Amino acid sequence: MKPFVNGEGRSLKRVKQTLSVHYEEKSVTDRREASSSPLSVWQMESVHFVSAEGIQSETAKPRLHFGGTTAGSLIGPAAPSNLADSEHDKTD
């Protein structure tokens, strides 16, 4: 990962944390069928969070949209974004 730099080109402090997103199998399968993709059903994705101080909380709090708490490194189960809304799959 390239360093974050200030206006003088000096490296800034950074903390990298990795969270994993778990997708619902049916949602992934439905999306795969809609795109005619022959790939396997991948239900995990890593999200790299980079900040100056990292994600910190004195107490574990319930997640707003998923089960579990903020103490865990796994988010889900989630539904993947709508195939029509995905920039990767759009063609002009």
PDB file of N, CA and C in Angstrom:
ATOM      1  N   MET A   1       0.846  -1.164   0.000  1.00  0.00           N
ATOM      2  CA  MET A   1       0.000   0.000   0.000  1.00  0.00           C
ATOM      3  C   MET A   1       0.897   1.234   0.000  1.00  0.00           C
ATOM      4  N   LYS A   2       0.656   2.162  -0.908  1.00  0.00           N
ATOM      5  CA  LYS A   2       1.446   3.381  -0.973  1.00  0.00           C
ATOM      6  C   LYS A   2       1.138   4.253   0.244  1.00  0.00           C
ATOM      7  N   PRO A   3       2.125   4.976   0.737  1.00  0.00           N
ATOM      8  CA  PRO A   3       1.892   5.801   1.918  1.00  0.00           C
ATOM      9  C   PRO A   3       1.023   7.014   1.614  1.00  0.00           C
ATOM     10  N   PHE A   4       0.257   7.408   2.617  1.00  0.00           N
ATOM     11  CA  PHE A   4      -0.466   8.658   2.527  1.00  0.00           C
ATOM     12  C   PHE A   4       0.533   9.749   2.886  1.00  0.00           C
ATOM     13  N   VAL A   5       0.529  10.846   2.137  1.00  0.00           N
ATOM     14  CA  VAL A   5       1.498  11.905   2.384  1.00  0.00           C
ATOM     15  C   VAL A   5       0.802  13.242   2.579  1.00  0.00           C
ATOM     16  N   ASN A   6       1.480  14.131   3.311  1.00  0.00           N
ATOM     17  CA  ASN A   6       0.959  15.478   3.488  1.00  0.00           C
ATOM     18  C   ASN A   6       1.432  16.347   2.323  1.00  0.00           C
ATOM     19  N   GLY A   7       1.176  17.645   2.384  1.00  0.00           N
ATOM     20  CA  GLY A   7       1.562  18.553   1.307  1.00  0.00           C
ATOM     21  C   GLY A   7       3.050  18.634   1.075  1.00  0.00           C
ATOM     22  N   GLU A   8       3.838  18.247   2.077  1.00  0.00           N
ATOM     23  CA  GLU A   8       5.298  18.284   1.963  1.00  0.00           C
ATOM     24  C   GLU A   8       5.877  16.943   1.523  1.00  0.00           C
ATOM     25  N   GLY A   9       5.013  15.973   1.246  1.00  0.00           N
ATOM     26  CA  GLY A   9       5.469  14.665   0.797  1.00  0.00           C
ATOM     27  C   GLY A   9       5.882  13.735   1.925  1.00  0.00           C
ATOM     28  N   ARG A  10       5.611  14.114   3.163  1.00  0.00           N
ATOM     29  CA  ARG A  10       5.955  13.261   4.308  1.00  0.00           C
ATOM     30  C   ARG A  10       4.831  12.275   4.590  1.00  0.00           C
ATOM     31  N   SER A  11       5.209  11.063   4.960  1.00  0.00           N
ATOM     32  CA  SER A  11       4.221  10.016   5.238  1.00  0.00           C
ATOM     33  C   SER A  11       3.376  10.371   6.451  1.00  0.00           C
ATOM     34  N   LEU A  12       2.092  10.075   6.351  1.00  0.00           N
ATOM     35  CA  LEU A  12       1.169  10.267   7.467  1.00  0.00           C
ATOM     36  C   LEU A  12       0.926   8.930   8.146  1.00  0.00           C
ATOM     37  N   LYS A  13       0.647   8.984   9.432  1.00  0.00           N
ATOM     38  CA  LYS A  13       0.327   7.773  10.178  1.00  0.00           C
ATOM     39  C   LYS A  13      -0.980   7.193   9.630  1.00  0.00           C
ATOM     40  N   ARG A  14      -1.037   5.874   9.539  1.00  0.00           N
ATOM     41  CA  ARG A  14      -2.272   5.226   9.096  1.00  0.00           C
ATOM     42  C   ARG A  14      -2.403   3.860   9.746  1.00  0.00           C
ATOM     43  N   VAL A  15      -3.636   3.442   9.890  1.00  0.00           N
ATOM     44  CA  VAL A  15      -3.953   2.133  10.449  1.00  0.00           C
ATOM     45  C   VAL A  15      -4.846   1.428   9.437  1.00  0.00           C
ATOM     46  N   LYS A  16      -4.502   0.194   9.089  1.00  0.00           N
ATOM     47  CA  LYS A  16      -5.298  -0.585   8.140  1.00  0.00           C
ATOM     48  C   LYS A  16      -5.974  -1.711   8.902  1.00  0.00           C
ATOM     49  N   GLN A  17      -7.278  -1.808   8.746  1.00  0.00           N
ATOM     50  CA  GLN A  17      -8.038  -2.907   9.341  1.00  0.00           C
ATOM     51  C   GLN A  17      -8.834  -3.585   8.232  1.00  0.00           C
ATOM     52  N   THR A  18      -8.987  -4.882   8.343  1.00  0.00           N
ATOM     53  CA  THR A  18      -9.729  -5.638   7.348  1.00  0.00           C
ATOM     54  C   THR A  18     -11.003  -6.198   7.972  1.00  0.00           C
ATOM     55  N   LEU A  19     -12.122  -5.920   7.324  1.00  0.00           N
ATOM     56  CA  LEU A  19     -13.410  -6.486   7.720  1.00  0.00           C
ATOM     57  C   LEU A  19     -13.842  -7.432   6.612  1.00  0.00           C
ATOM     58  N   SER A  20     -14.591  -8.455   6.955  1.00  0.00           N
ATOM     59  CA  SER A  20     -15.108  -9.388   5.952  1.00  0.00           C
ATOM     60  C   SER A  20     -16.617  -9.242   5.862  1.00  0.00           C
ATOM     61  N   VAL A  21     -17.119  -9.276   4.637  1.00  0.00           N
ATOM     62  CA  VAL A  21     -18.562  -9.208   4.391  1.00  0.00           C
ATOM     63  C   VAL A  21     -19.008 -10.574   3.910  1.00  0.00           C
ATOM     64  N   HIS A  22     -20.036 -11.120   4.549  1.00  0.00           N
ATOM     65  CA  HIS A  22     -20.596 -12.423   4.204  1.00  0.00           C
ATOM     66  C   HIS A  22     -21.907 -12.182   3.464  1.00  0.00           C
ATOM     67  N   TYR A  23     -22.007 -12.671   2.227  1.00  0.00           N
ATOM     68  CA  TYR A  23     -23.218 -12.502   1.422  1.00  0.00           C
ATOM     69  C   TYR A  23     -24.129 -13.720   1.537  1.00  0.00           C
ATOM     70  N   GLU A  24     -25.436 -13.482   1.466  1.00  0.00           N
ATOM     71  CA  GLU A  24     -26.413 -14.568   1.470  1.00  0.00           C
ATOM     72  C   GLU A  24     -26.235 -15.391   0.198  1.00  0.00           C
ATOM     73  N   GLU A  25     -26.223 -16.706   0.333  1.00  0.00           N
ATOM     74  CA  GLU A  25     -26.000 -17.578  -0.826  1.00  0.00           C
ATOM     75  C   GLU A  25     -27.064 -17.392  -1.902  1.00  0.00           C
ATOM     76  N   LYS A  26     -28.324 -17.304  -1.512  1.00  0.00           N
ATOM     77  CA  LYS A  26     -29.394 -17.169  -2.507  1.00  0.00           C
ATOM     78  C   LYS A  26     -29.244 -15.868  -3.299  1.00  0.00           C
ATOM     79  N   SER A  27     -28.908 -14.779  -2.638  1.00  0.00           N
ATOM     80  CA  SER A  27     -28.730 -13.507  -3.339  1.00  0.00           C
ATOM     81  C   SER A  27     -27.587 -13.587  -4.344  1.00  0.00           C
ATOM     82  N   VAL A  28     -26.490 -14.230  -3.942  1.00  0.00           N
ATOM     83  CA  VAL A  28     -25.339 -14.365  -4.839  1.00  0.00           C
ATOM     84  C   VAL A  28     -25.698 -15.268  -6.018  1.00  0.00           C
ATOM     85  N   THR A  29     -26.400 -16.367  -5.747  1.00  0.00           N
ATOM     86  CA  THR A  29     -26.813 -17.288  -6.806  1.00  0.00           C
ATOM     87  C   THR A  29     -27.760 -16.598  -7.790  1.00  0.00           C
ATOM     88  N   ASP A  30     -28.728 -15.828  -7.280  1.00  0.00           N
ATOM     89  CA  ASP A  30     -29.652 -15.093  -8.152  1.00  0.00           C
ATOM     90  C   ASP A  30     -28.905 -14.111  -9.033  1.00  0.00           C
ATOM     91  N   ARG A  31     -27.935 -13.424  -8.469  1.00  0.00           N
ATOM     92  CA  ARG A  31     -27.156 -12.448  -9.239  1.00  0.00           C
ATOM     93  C   ARG A  31     -26.324 -13.159 -10.304  1.00  0.00           C
ATOM     94  N   ARG A  32     -25.730 -14.287  -9.940  1.00  0.00           N
ATOM     95  CA  ARG A  32     -24.920 -15.034 -10.898  1.00  0.00           C
ATOM     96  C   ARG A  32     -25.767 -15.495 -12.074  1.00  0.00           C
ATOM     97  N   GLU A  33     -26.976 -15.993 -11.800  1.00  0.00           N
ATOM     98  CA  GLU A  33     -27.861 -16.446 -12.875  1.00  0.00           C
ATOM     99  C   GLU A  33     -28.282 -15.288 -13.765  1.00  0.00           C
ATOM    100  N   ALA A  34     -28.488 -14.097 -13.192  1.00  0.00           N
ATOM    101  CA  ALA A  34     -28.889 -12.927 -13.974  1.00  0.00           C
ATOM    102  C   ALA A  34     -27.785 -12.468 -14.916  1.00  0.00           C
ATOM    103  N   SER A  35     -26.531 -12.710 -14.556  1.00  0.00           N
ATOM    104  CA  SER A  35     -25.421 -12.275 -15.406  1.00  0.00           C
ATOM    105  C   SER A  35     -24.856 -13.408 -16.254  1.00  0.00           C
ATOM    106  N   SER A  36     -25.412 -14.593 -16.134  1.00  0.00           N
ATOM    107  CA  SER A  36     -24.955 -15.784 -16.868  1.00  0.00           C
ATOM    108  C   SER A  36     -23.493 -16.102 -16.595  1.00  0.00           C
ATOM    109  N   SER A  37     -23.052 -15.805 -15.400  1.00  0.00           N
ATOM    110  CA  SER A  37     -21.665 -16.053 -15.032  1.00  0.00           C
ATOM    111  C   SER A  37     -21.471 -17.518 -14.654  1.00  0.00           C
ATOM    112  N   PRO A  38     -20.428 -18.173 -15.189  1.00  0.00           N
ATOM    113  CA  PRO A  38     -20.181 -19.579 -14.858  1.00  0.00           C
ATOM    114  C   PRO A  38     -19.375 -19.751 -13.572  1.00  0.00           C
ATOM    115  N   LEU A  39     -19.087 -18.671 -12.873  1.00  0.00           N
ATOM    116  CA  LEU A  39     -18.222 -18.745 -11.695  1.00  0.00           C
ATOM    117  C   LEU A  39     -18.899 -19.420 -10.512  1.00  0.00           C
ATOM    118  N   SER A  40     -18.086 -19.842  -9.581  1.00  0.00           N
ATOM    119  CA  SER A  40     -18.588 -20.407  -8.329  1.00  0.00           C
ATOM    120  C   SER A  40     -19.275 -19.316  -7.524  1.00  0.00           C
ATOM    121  N   VAL A  41     -19.992 -19.738  -6.510  1.00  0.00           N
ATOM    122  CA  VAL A  41     -20.691 -18.795  -5.645  1.00  0.00           C
ATOM    123  C   VAL A  41     -19.725 -18.337  -4.555  1.00  0.00           C
ATOM    124  N   TRP A  42     -19.211 -17.121  -4.687  1.00  0.00           N
ATOM    125  CA  TRP A  42     -18.311 -16.543  -3.695  1.00  0.00           C
ATOM    126  C   TRP A  42     -19.140 -15.717  -2.729  1.00  0.00           C
ATOM    127  N   GLN A  43     -19.113 -16.081  -1.458  1.00  0.00           N
ATOM    128  CA  GLN A  43     -19.950 -15.425  -0.469  1.00  0.00           C
ATOM    129  C   GLN A  43     -19.179 -14.517   0.478  1.00  0.00           C
ATOM    130  N   MET A  44     -17.891 -14.380   0.289  1.00  0.00           N
ATOM    131  CA  MET A  44     -17.086 -13.541   1.179  1.00  0.00           C
ATOM    132  C   MET A  44     -16.364 -12.467   0.372  1.00  0.00           C
ATOM    133  N   GLU A  45     -16.200 -11.307   1.003  1.00  0.00           N
ATOM    134  CA  GLU A  45     -15.466 -10.218   0.393  1.00  0.00           C
ATOM    135  C   GLU A  45     -14.736  -9.481   1.516  1.00  0.00           C
ATOM    136  N   SER A  46     -13.526  -9.031   1.244  1.00  0.00           N
ATOM    137  CA  SER A  46     -12.771  -8.272   2.239  1.00  0.00           C
ATOM    138  C   SER A  46     -12.897  -6.784   1.956  1.00  0.00           C
ATOM    139  N   VAL A  47     -13.030  -6.017   3.021  1.00  0.00           N
ATOM    140  CA  VAL A  47     -13.095  -4.566   2.931  1.00  0.00           C
ATOM    141  C   VAL A  47     -11.916  -4.032   3.738  1.00  0.00           C
ATOM    142  N   HIS A  48     -11.060  -3.252   3.095  1.00  0.00           N
ATOM    143  CA  HIS A  48      -9.897  -2.693   3.778  1.00  0.00           C
ATOM    144  C   HIS A  48     -10.229  -1.266   4.202  1.00  0.00           C
ATOM    145  N   PHE A  49     -10.200  -1.025   5.506  1.00  0.00           N
ATOM    146  CA  PHE A  49     -10.521   0.268   6.076  1.00  0.00           C
ATOM    147  C   PHE A  49      -9.210   0.914   6.508  1.00  0.00           C
ATOM    148  N   VAL A  50      -8.883   2.069   5.918  1.00  0.00           N
ATOM    149  CA  VAL A  50      -7.635   2.754   6.234  1.00  0.00           C
ATOM    150  C   VAL A  50      -7.976   4.124   6.801  1.00  0.00           C
ATOM    151  N   SER A  51      -7.405   4.428   7.965  1.00  0.00           N
ATOM    152  CA  SER A  51      -7.641   5.725   8.598  1.00  0.00           C
ATOM    153  C   SER A  51      -6.428   6.104   9.440  1.00  0.00           C
ATOM    154  N   ALA A  52      -6.475   7.291   9.991  1.00  0.00           N
ATOM    155  CA  ALA A  52      -5.368   7.745  10.828  1.00  0.00           C
ATOM    156  C   ALA A  52      -5.332   7.022  12.176  1.00  0.00           C
ATOM    157  N   GLU A  53      -6.495   6.643  12.708  1.00  0.00           N
ATOM    158  CA  GLU A  53      -6.531   6.060  14.042  1.00  0.00           C
ATOM    159  C   GLU A  53      -7.161   4.671  14.105  1.00  0.00           C
ATOM    160  N   GLY A  54      -7.803   4.234  13.074  1.00  0.00           N
ATOM    161  CA  GLY A  54      -8.445   2.923  13.103  1.00  0.00           C
ATOM    162  C   GLY A  54      -9.827   2.979  13.724  1.00  0.00           C
ATOM    163  N   ILE A  55     -10.529   1.868  13.649  1.00  0.00           N
ATOM    164  CA  ILE A  55     -11.870   1.766  14.212  1.00  0.00           C
ATOM    165  C   ILE A  55     -11.722   1.355  15.669  1.00  0.00           C
ATOM    166  N   GLN A  56     -12.196   2.203  16.557  1.00  0.00           N
ATOM    167  CA  GLN A  56     -12.085   1.888  17.974  1.00  0.00           C
ATOM    168  C   GLN A  56     -13.390   2.203  18.684  1.00  0.00           C
ATOM    169  N   SER A  57     -13.725   1.374  19.638  1.00  0.00           N
ATOM    170  CA  SER A  57     -14.913   1.579  20.458  1.00  0.00           C
ATOM    171  C   SER A  57     -14.630   0.993  21.829  1.00  0.00           C
ATOM    172  N   GLU A  58     -15.009   1.729  22.869  1.00  0.00           N
ATOM    173  CA  GLU A  58     -14.759   1.236  24.220  1.00  0.00           C
ATOM    174  C   GLU A  58     -15.654   0.046  24.565  1.00  0.00           C
ATOM    175  N   THR A  59     -16.839   0.014  23.968  1.00  0.00           N
ATOM    176  CA  THR A  59     -17.755  -1.102  24.211  1.00  0.00           C
ATOM    177  C   THR A  59     -18.288  -1.609  22.881  1.00  0.00           C
ATOM    178  N   ALA A  60     -18.568  -2.889  22.842  1.00  0.00           N
ATOM    179  CA  ALA A  60     -19.155  -3.469  21.637  1.00  0.00           C
ATOM    180  C   ALA A  60     -20.600  -2.999  21.526  1.00  0.00           C
ATOM    181  N   LYS A  61     -20.951  -2.473  20.355  1.00  0.00           N
ATOM    182  CA  LYS A  61     -22.305  -1.977  20.126  1.00  0.00           C
ATOM    183  C   LYS A  61     -22.991  -2.853  19.084  1.00  0.00           C
ATOM    184  N   PRO A  62     -24.300  -3.038  19.190  1.00  0.00           N
ATOM    185  CA  PRO A  62     -25.010  -3.832  18.175  1.00  0.00           C
ATOM    186  C   PRO A  62     -24.875  -3.173  16.795  1.00  0.00           C
ATOM    187  N   ARG A  63     -24.680  -3.991  15.775  1.00  0.00           N
ATOM    188  CA  ARG A  63     -24.628  -3.452  14.406  1.00  0.00           C
ATOM    189  C   ARG A  63     -26.007  -2.941  14.028  1.00  0.00           C
ATOM    190  N   LEU A  64     -26.051  -1.862  13.249  1.00  0.00           N
ATOM    191  CA  LEU A  64     -27.322  -1.243  12.885  1.00  0.00           C
ATOM    192  C   LEU A  64     -28.134  -2.075  11.899  1.00  0.00           C
ATOM    193  N   HIS A  65     -27.474  -2.710  10.926  1.00  0.00           N
ATOM    194  CA  HIS A  65     -28.203  -3.399   9.858  1.00  0.00           C
ATOM    195  C   HIS A  65     -27.961  -4.901   9.801  1.00  0.00           C
ATOM    196  N   PHE A  66     -27.072  -5.429  10.635  1.00  0.00           N
ATOM    197  CA  PHE A  66     -26.740  -6.854  10.610  1.00  0.00           C
ATOM    198  C   PHE A  66     -26.660  -7.371  12.035  1.00  0.00           C
ATOM    199  N   GLY A  67     -26.683  -8.692  12.175  1.00  0.00           N
ATOM    200  CA  GLY A  67     -26.527  -9.285  13.490  1.00  0.00           C
ATOM    201  C   GLY A  67     -25.119  -9.095  14.020  1.00  0.00           C
ATOM    202  N   GLY A  68     -24.933  -9.348  15.285  1.00  0.00           N
ATOM    203  CA  GLY A  68     -23.615  -9.232  15.887  1.00  0.00           C
ATOM    204  C   GLY A  68     -23.341  -7.837  16.411  1.00  0.00           C
ATOM    205  N   THR A  69     -22.089  -7.636  16.836  1.00  0.00           N
ATOM    206  CA  THR A  69     -21.702  -6.345  17.404  1.00  0.00           C
ATOM    207  C   THR A  69     -20.489  -5.794  16.666  1.00  0.00           C
ATOM    208  N   THR A  70     -20.101  -4.585  17.041  1.00  0.00           N
ATOM    209  CA  THR A  70     -18.945  -3.933  16.423  1.00  0.00           C
ATOM    210  C   THR A  70     -17.625  -4.570  16.851  1.00  0.00           C
ATOM    211  N   ALA A  71     -17.658  -5.518  17.783  1.00  0.00           N
ATOM    212  CA  ALA A  71     -16.434  -6.201  18.209  1.00  0.00           C
ATOM    213  C   ALA A  71     -15.968  -7.225  17.172  1.00  0.00           C
ATOM    214  N   GLY A  72     -16.880  -7.713  16.341  1.00  0.00           N
ATOM    215  CA  GLY A  72     -16.541  -8.738  15.357  1.00  0.00           C
ATOM    216  C   GLY A  72     -15.945  -8.168  14.082  1.00  0.00           C
ATOM    217  N   SER A  73     -15.252  -9.009  13.329  1.00  0.00           N
ATOM    218  CA  SER A  73     -14.649  -8.591  12.066  1.00  0.00           C
ATOM    219  C   SER A  73     -15.440  -9.103  10.859  1.00  0.00           C
ATOM    220  N   LEU A  74     -16.616  -9.701  11.106  1.00  0.00           N
ATOM    221  CA  LEU A  74     -17.455 -10.234  10.033  1.00  0.00           C
ATOM    222  C   LEU A  74     -18.792  -9.497  10.024  1.00  0.00           C
ATOM    223  N   ILE A  75     -19.185  -9.017   8.851  1.00  0.00           N
ATOM    224  CA  ILE A  75     -20.454  -8.319   8.675  1.00  0.00           C
ATOM    225  C   ILE A  75     -21.333  -9.170   7.774  1.00  0.00           C
ATOM    226  N   GLY A  76     -22.580  -9.387   8.175  1.00  0.00           N
ATOM    227  CA  GLY A  76     -23.473 -10.126   7.307  1.00  0.00           C
ATOM    228  C   GLY A  76     -24.470 -10.945   8.092  1.00  0.00           C
ATOM    229  N   PRO A  77     -25.274 -11.727   7.411  1.00  0.00           N
ATOM    230  CA  PRO A  77     -25.290 -11.887   5.954  1.00  0.00           C
ATOM    231  C   PRO A  77     -25.893 -10.669   5.261  1.00  0.00           C
ATOM    232  N   ALA A  78     -25.322 -10.336   4.122  1.00  0.00           N
ATOM    233  CA  ALA A  78     -25.755  -9.180   3.336  1.00  0.00           C
ATOM    234  C   ALA A  78     -26.147  -9.645   1.948  1.00  0.00           C
ATOM    235  N   ALA A  79     -26.970  -8.856   1.285  1.00  0.00           N
ATOM    236  CA  ALA A  79     -27.311  -9.129  -0.115  1.00  0.00           C
ATOM    237  C   ALA A  79     -26.382  -8.289  -0.978  1.00  0.00           C
ATOM    238  N   PRO A  80     -25.831  -8.842  -2.063  1.00  0.00           N
ATOM    239  CA  PRO A  80     -24.967  -8.038  -2.928  1.00  0.00           C
ATOM    240  C   PRO A  80     -25.775  -6.925  -3.577  1.00  0.00           C
ATOM    241  N   SER A  81     -25.077  -5.893  -4.051  1.00  0.00           N
ATOM    242  CA  SER A  81     -25.760  -4.783  -4.704  1.00  0.00           C
ATOM    243  C   SER A  81     -26.503  -5.274  -5.940  1.00  0.00           C
ATOM    244  N   ASN A  82     -27.505  -4.534  -6.330  1.00  0.00           N
ATOM    245  CA  ASN A  82     -28.297  -4.851  -7.507  1.00  0.00           C
ATOM    246  C   ASN A  82     -27.384  -4.874  -8.729  1.00  0.00           C
ATOM    247  N   LEU A  83     -27.479  -5.895  -9.536  1.00  0.00           N
ATOM    248  CA  LEU A  83     -26.624  -6.043 -10.707  1.00  0.00           C
ATOM    249  C   LEU A  83     -26.729  -4.841 -11.636  1.00  0.00           C
ATOM    250  N   ALA A  84     -27.914  -4.277 -11.789  1.00  0.00           N
ATOM    251  CA  ALA A  84     -28.109  -3.125 -12.676  1.00  0.00           C
ATOM    252  C   ALA A  84     -27.413  -1.875 -12.135  1.00  0.00           C
ATOM    253  N   ASP A  85     -27.184  -1.818 -10.819  1.00  0.00           N
ATOM    254  CA  ASP A  85     -26.548  -0.655 -10.202  1.00  0.00           C
ATOM    255  C   ASP A  85     -25.032  -0.763 -10.156  1.00  0.00           C
ATOM    256  N   SER A  86     -24.497  -1.892 -10.517  1.00  0.00           N
ATOM    257  CA  SER A  86     -23.058  -2.122 -10.412  1.00  0.00           C
ATOM    258  C   SER A  86     -22.324  -1.459 -11.569  1.00  0.00           C
ATOM    259  N   GLU A  87     -21.354  -0.607 -11.253  1.00  0.00           N
ATOM    260  CA  GLU A  87     -20.544   0.066 -12.273  1.00  0.00           C
ATOM    261  C   GLU A  87     -19.737  -0.949 -13.076  1.00  0.00           C
ATOM    262  N   HIS A  88     -19.274  -2.007 -12.408  1.00  0.00           N
ATOM    263  CA  HIS A  88     -18.434  -3.010 -13.064  1.00  0.00           C
ATOM    264  C   HIS A  88     -19.171  -3.716 -14.202  1.00  0.00           C
ATOM    265  N   ASP A  89     -20.478  -3.897 -14.021  1.00  0.00           N
ATOM    266  CA  ASP A  89     -21.241  -4.668 -15.009  1.00  0.00           C
ATOM    267  C   ASP A  89     -21.939  -3.816 -16.066  1.00  0.00           C
ATOM    268  N   LYS A  90     -21.782  -2.488 -15.996  1.00  0.00           N
ATOM    269  CA  LYS A  90     -22.457  -1.621 -16.966  1.00  0.00           C
ATOM    270  C   LYS A  90     -21.671  -1.575 -18.273  1.00  0.00           C
ATOM    271  N   THR A  91     -22.381  -1.507 -19.353  1.00  0.00           N
ATOM    272  CA  THR A  91     -21.767  -1.316 -20.662  1.00  0.00           C
ATOM    273  C   THR A  91     -22.425  -0.125 -21.334  1.00  0.00           C
ATOM    274  N   ASP A  92     -21.631   0.624 -22.077  1.00  0.00           N
ATOM    275  CA  ASP A  92     -22.175   1.811 -22.769  1.00  0.00           C
ATOM    276  C   ASP A  92     -22.445   1.510 -24.216  1.00  0.00           C
TER     277      ASP A  92
END
